[in-house]
Every structure is written in structure tokens, then in C-alpha cells.
C-alpha atoms as a PDB file:
ATOM      1  CA  UNK A   1     250.475 127.875  37.173  1.00  0.00           C
ATOM      2  CA  UNK A   2     253.362 126.348  39.287  1.00  0.00           C
ATOM      3  CA  UNK A   3     254.183 122.465  38.177  1.00  0.00           C
ATOM      4  CA  UNK A   4     253.479 121.053  41.905  1.00  0.00           C
ATOM      5  CA  UNK A   5     249.936 123.169  41.323  1.00  0.00           C
ATOM      6  CA  UNK A   6     249.575 121.412  37.823  1.00  0.00           C
ATOM      7  CA  UNK A   7     250.514 118.224  39.505  1.00  0.00           C
ATOM      8  CA  UNK A   8     248.186 118.479  42.137  1.00  0.00           C
ATOM      9  CA  UNK A   9     245.311 119.564  39.955  1.00  0.00           C
ATOM     10  CA  UNK A  10     245.683 116.325  37.700  1.00  0.00           C
ATOM     11  CA  UNK A  11     245.699 114.347  40.617  1.00  0.00           C
ATOM     12  CA  UNK A  12     242.897 115.513  41.951  1.00  0.00           C
ATOM     13  CA  UNK A  13     240.669 115.623  38.541  1.00  0.00           C
ATOM     14  CA  UNK A  14     242.244 111.486  38.218  1.00  0.00           C
ATOM     15  CA  UNK A  15     241.003 110.864  41.523  1.00  0.00           C
ATOM     16  CA  UNK A  16     237.674 112.448  40.909  1.00  0.00           C
ATOM     17  CA  UNK A  17     237.275 110.774  38.039  1.00  0.00           C
ATOM     18  CA  UNK A  18     238.125 107.425  39.549  1.00  0.00           C
ATOM     19  CA  UNK A  19     235.533 108.211  42.341  1.00  0.00           C
ATOM     20  CA  UNK A  20     232.970 109.076  39.758  1.00  0.00           C
ATOM     21  CA  UNK A  21     233.765 105.900  37.766  1.00  0.00           C
ATOM     22  CA  UNK A  22     233.968 103.777  41.036  1.00  0.00           C
ATOM     23  CA  UNK A  23     230.126 104.826  41.898  1.00  0.00           C
ATOM     24  CA  UNK A  24     229.057 104.376  38.268  1.00  0.00           C
ATOM     25  CA  UNK A  25     230.142 100.786  38.231  1.00  0.00           C
ATOM     26  CA  UNK A  26     227.898 100.351  41.298  1.00  0.00           C
ATOM     27  CA  UNK A  27     224.827 101.978  40.290  1.00  0.00           C
ATOM     28  CA  UNK A  28     223.809 103.547  36.624  1.00  0.00           C
ATOM     29  CA  UNK A  29     226.679 102.162  34.635  1.00  0.00           C
ATOM     30  CA  UNK A  30     226.561  98.277  35.594  1.00  0.00           C
ATOM     31  CA  UNK A  31     225.451  96.636  32.568  1.00  0.00           C
ATOM     32  CA  UNK A  32     227.834  98.791  30.243  1.00  0.00           C
ATOM     33  CA  UNK A  33     230.959  97.739  32.375  1.00  0.00           C
ATOM     34  CA  UNK A  34     229.849  94.027  32.170  1.00  0.00           C
ATOM     35  CA  UNK A  35     230.464  94.190  28.509  1.00  0.00           C
ATOM     36  CA  UNK A  36     233.970  94.867  29.501  1.00  0.00           C
ATOM     37  CA  UNK A  37     234.639  91.790  31.810  1.00  0.00           C
ATOM     38  CA  UNK A  38     236.420  88.880  29.792  1.00  0.00           C
ATOM     39  CA  UNK A  39     234.923  85.532  29.829  1.00  0.00           C
ATOM     40  CA  UNK A  40     238.001  84.078  30.937  1.00  0.00           C
ATOM     41  CA  UNK A  41     237.734  86.138  34.445  1.00  0.00           C
ATOM     42  CA  UNK A  42     236.790  83.178  36.844  1.00  0.00           C
ATOM     43  CA  UNK A  43     234.312  85.291  38.907  1.00  0.00           C
ATOM     44  CA  UNK A  44     230.526  86.402  38.010  1.00  0.00           C
ATOM     45  CA  UNK A  45     230.794  89.388  35.857  1.00  0.00           C
ATOM     46  CA  UNK A  46     228.265  91.256  37.896  1.00  0.00           C
ATOM     47  CA  UNK A  47     230.775  90.602  41.147  1.00  0.00           C
ATOM     48  CA  UNK A  48     233.666  91.518  38.672  1.00  0.00           C
ATOM     49  CA  UNK A  49     232.069  95.100  38.123  1.00  0.00           C
ATOM     50  CA  UNK A  50     231.340  96.130  41.947  1.00  0.00           C
ATOM     51  CA  UNK A  51     234.869  94.741  42.878  1.00  0.00           C
ATOM     52  CA  UNK A  52     236.343  97.099  40.784  1.00  0.00           C
ATOM     53  CA  UNK A  53     234.052  99.994  41.221  1.00  0.00           C
ATOM     54  CA  UNK A  54     235.069  99.627  44.912  1.00  0.00           C
ATOM     55  CA  UNK A  55     238.868  99.726  43.800  1.00  0.00           C
ATOM     56  CA  UNK A  56     238.170 102.696  42.003  1.00  0.00           C
ATOM     57  CA  UNK A  57     236.126 104.647  44.856  1.00  0.00           C
ATOM     58  CA  UNK A  58     239.027 103.731  47.260  1.00  0.00           C
ATOM     59  CA  UNK A  59     242.237 104.526  44.925  1.00  0.00           C
ATOM     60  CA  UNK A  60     240.140 107.681  43.491  1.00  0.00           C
ATOM     61  CA  UNK A  61     239.739 108.643  47.591  1.00  0.00           C
ATOM     62  CA  UNK A  62     243.419 108.012  48.353  1.00  0.00           C
ATOM     63  CA  UNK A  63     244.674 109.860  45.284  1.00  0.00           C
ATOM     64  CA  UNK A  64     242.912 112.928  46.315  1.00  0.00           C
ATOM     65  CA  UNK A  65     243.114 112.796  50.297  1.00  0.00           C
ATOM     66  CA  UNK A  66     246.601 110.783  51.336  1.00  0.00           C
ATOM     67  CA  UNK A  67     249.054 112.565  52.840  1.00  0.00           C
ATOM     68  CA  UNK A  68     252.233 113.575  50.878  1.00  0.00           C
ATOM     69  CA  UNK A  69     254.279 110.662  51.808  1.00  0.00           C
ATOM     70  CA  UNK A  70     251.812 108.213  49.852  1.00  0.00           C
ATOM     71  CA  UNK A  71     250.640 110.109  46.828  1.00  0.00           C
ATOM     72  CA  UNK A  72     253.458 108.652  44.634  1.00  0.00           C
ATOM     73  CA  UNK A  73     252.574 105.156  45.817  1.00  0.00           C
ATOM     74  CA  UNK A  74     248.749 105.499  45.053  1.00  0.00           C
ATOM     75  CA  UNK A  75     249.805 106.893  41.884  1.00  0.00           C
ATOM     76  CA  UNK A  76     251.851 103.853  41.085  1.00  0.00           C
ATOM     77  CA  UNK A  77     248.956 101.367  42.239  1.00  0.00           C
ATOM     78  CA  UNK A  78     246.611 103.500  40.307  1.00  0.00           C
ATOM     79  CA  UNK A  79     248.591 103.150  37.215  1.00  0.00           C
ATOM     80  CA  UNK A  80     248.695  99.361  37.741  1.00  0.00           C
ATOM     81  CA  UNK A  81     245.123  99.330  38.199  1.00  0.00           C
ATOM     82  CA  UNK A  82     244.379 101.026  34.733  1.00  0.00           C
ATOM     83  CA  UNK A  83     247.222  98.245  33.273  1.00  0.00           C
ATOM     84  CA  UNK A  84     245.411  95.416  35.066  1.00  0.00           C
ATOM     85  CA  UNK A  85     241.709  96.503  33.902  1.00  0.00           C
ATOM     86  CA  UNK A  86     243.537  97.026  30.307  1.00  0.00           C
ATOM     87  CA  UNK A  87     242.493  93.349  28.950  1.00  0.00           C
ATOM     88  CA  UNK A  88     238.722  93.945  29.621  1.00  0.00           C
ATOM     89  CA  UNK A  89     238.916  96.703  27.144  1.00  0.00           C
ATOM     90  CA  UNK A  90     240.827  94.596  24.668  1.00  0.00           C
ATOM     91  CA  UNK A  91     238.029  91.909  25.138  1.00  0.00           C
ATOM     92  CA  UNK A  92     235.703  94.555  24.500  1.00  0.00           C
ATOM     93  CA  UNK A  93     237.324  94.803  21.161  1.00  0.00           C
ATOM     94  CA  UNK A  94     237.900  91.311  20.185  1.00  0.00           C
ATOM     95  CA  UNK A  95     234.649  90.379  21.304  1.00  0.00           C
ATOM     96  CA  UNK A  96     232.597  93.483  19.396  1.00  0.00           C
ATOM     97  CA  UNK A  97     230.938  93.971  22.575  1.00  0.00           C
ATOM     98  CA  UNK A  98     229.292  97.724  22.463  1.00  0.00           C
ATOM     99  CA  UNK A  99     229.136  99.723  25.494  1.00  0.00           C
ATOM    100  CA  UNK A 100     229.505 103.539  26.514  1.00  0.00           C
ATOM    101  CA  UNK A 101     228.842 104.418  22.992  1.00  0.00           C
ATOM    102  CA  UNK A 102     231.595 102.164  21.588  1.00  0.00           C
ATOM    103  CA  UNK A 103     229.390 100.631  19.008  1.00  0.00           C
ATOM    104  CA  UNK A 104     232.024  99.974  16.388  1.00  0.00           C
ATOM    105  CA  UNK A 105     235.511  98.146  15.968  1.00  0.00           C
ATOM    106  CA  UNK A 106     236.903 101.499  15.423  1.00  0.00           C
ATOM    107  CA  UNK A 107     235.831 103.163  18.184  1.00  0.00           C
ATOM    108  CA  UNK A 108     236.306 100.046  20.157  1.00  0.00           C
ATOM    109  CA  UNK A 109     240.002 100.114  18.753  1.00  0.00           C
ATOM    110  CA  UNK A 110     240.688 103.770  19.101  1.00  0.00           C
ATOM    111  CA  UNK A 111     239.502 103.511  22.958  1.00  0.00           C
ATOM    112  CA  UNK A 112     242.689 100.975  23.329  1.00  0.00           C
ATOM    113  CA  UNK A 113     244.784 103.926  23.236  1.00  0.00           C
ATOM    114  CA  UNK A 114     243.112 105.822  25.851  1.00  0.00           C
ATOM    115  CA  UNK A 115     244.391 103.538  28.641  1.00  0.00           C
ATOM    116  CA  UNK A 116     248.381 104.561  28.302  1.00  0.00           C
ATOM    117  CA  UNK A 117     247.031 107.924  28.785  1.00  0.00           C
ATOM    118  CA  UNK A 118     245.588 106.868  32.476  1.00  0.00           C
ATOM    119  CA  UNK A 119     248.769 105.155  33.386  1.00  0.00           C
ATOM    120  CA  UNK A 120     250.903 108.322  32.370  1.00  0.00           C
ATOM    121  CA  UNK A 121     248.746 110.615  33.899  1.00  0.00           C
ATOM    122  CA  UNK A 122     248.435 108.338  37.510  1.00  0.00           C
ATOM    123  CA  UNK A 123     251.900 108.062  37.276  1.00  0.00           C
ATOM    124  CA  UNK A 124     253.013 112.169  36.329  1.00  0.00           C
ATOM    125  CA  UNK A 125     250.581 113.702  38.675  1.00  0.00           C
ATOM    126  CA  UNK A 126     252.084 112.223  41.878  1.00  0.00           C
ATOM    127  CA  UNK A 127     255.390 112.166  41.178  1.00  0.00           C
ATOM    128  CA  UNK A 128     257.874 114.074  43.080  1.00  0.00           C
END
């Protein structure tokens, strides 16, 4: 597989994952996502989950459907989004909130290292 094809597959997989996770924010996983919202966020937890779900659906769709000239912009936007939601992961760890099977400190801590993977994935799959 050529590098461009590999990037395209990676971008489409990430976009699809974002759309799926965004839909799960709005439906079956809403309660689990609320556990990740830090108490210092000035919105209701449910509203935060809904807004972030809508953002993920939009970002995922853009990664999949955007014309070539906008792909890098949306990759940068997705990376910024993953960075912006990282405090929720830290909050889940520090406040010992169980969700998504992350029911021990070790599991919650290990999850923190996945966020840089998502950021890198967003950037690398959309760079020219």
C-alpha cells in the first residue's frame, strides 16, 4: 500500500470512529461520557456531552468527506479537539470515576497515553 493510500485509510478510519463515538455521546454511552466531564466545566454535564458529540460527528464527517485542500485543516482541528478534551480524561483519572470499563486507577491512567496517539493519528493522516 502506498503512503497516500495508507493516509487515506487512516483518515477515513479516524473519521468513522469519530462519527460513531459522536453518535454514542448522543445515545447509548451518554452516562459514561458524563463521567469524563470535569466539575469545573461551566455547562451541565449532559449539555457538554451533547455538544462534544455533535462536534465529533461534524469532525468525523469532515475528515471523511472534505475536499483535498481542506483535509489538513480538519486534521489540525481534530488534533486540537483531542487536546481540548484531554482534561476530561485527566479528571476521570483524578476523581476516580469509572466509565467504559475503566474501573481502576491503573486502567484510567493507561488511557491517558492514548490521547497523544489520537492527536498524532489526526495529524499524520491528513498531512500532505
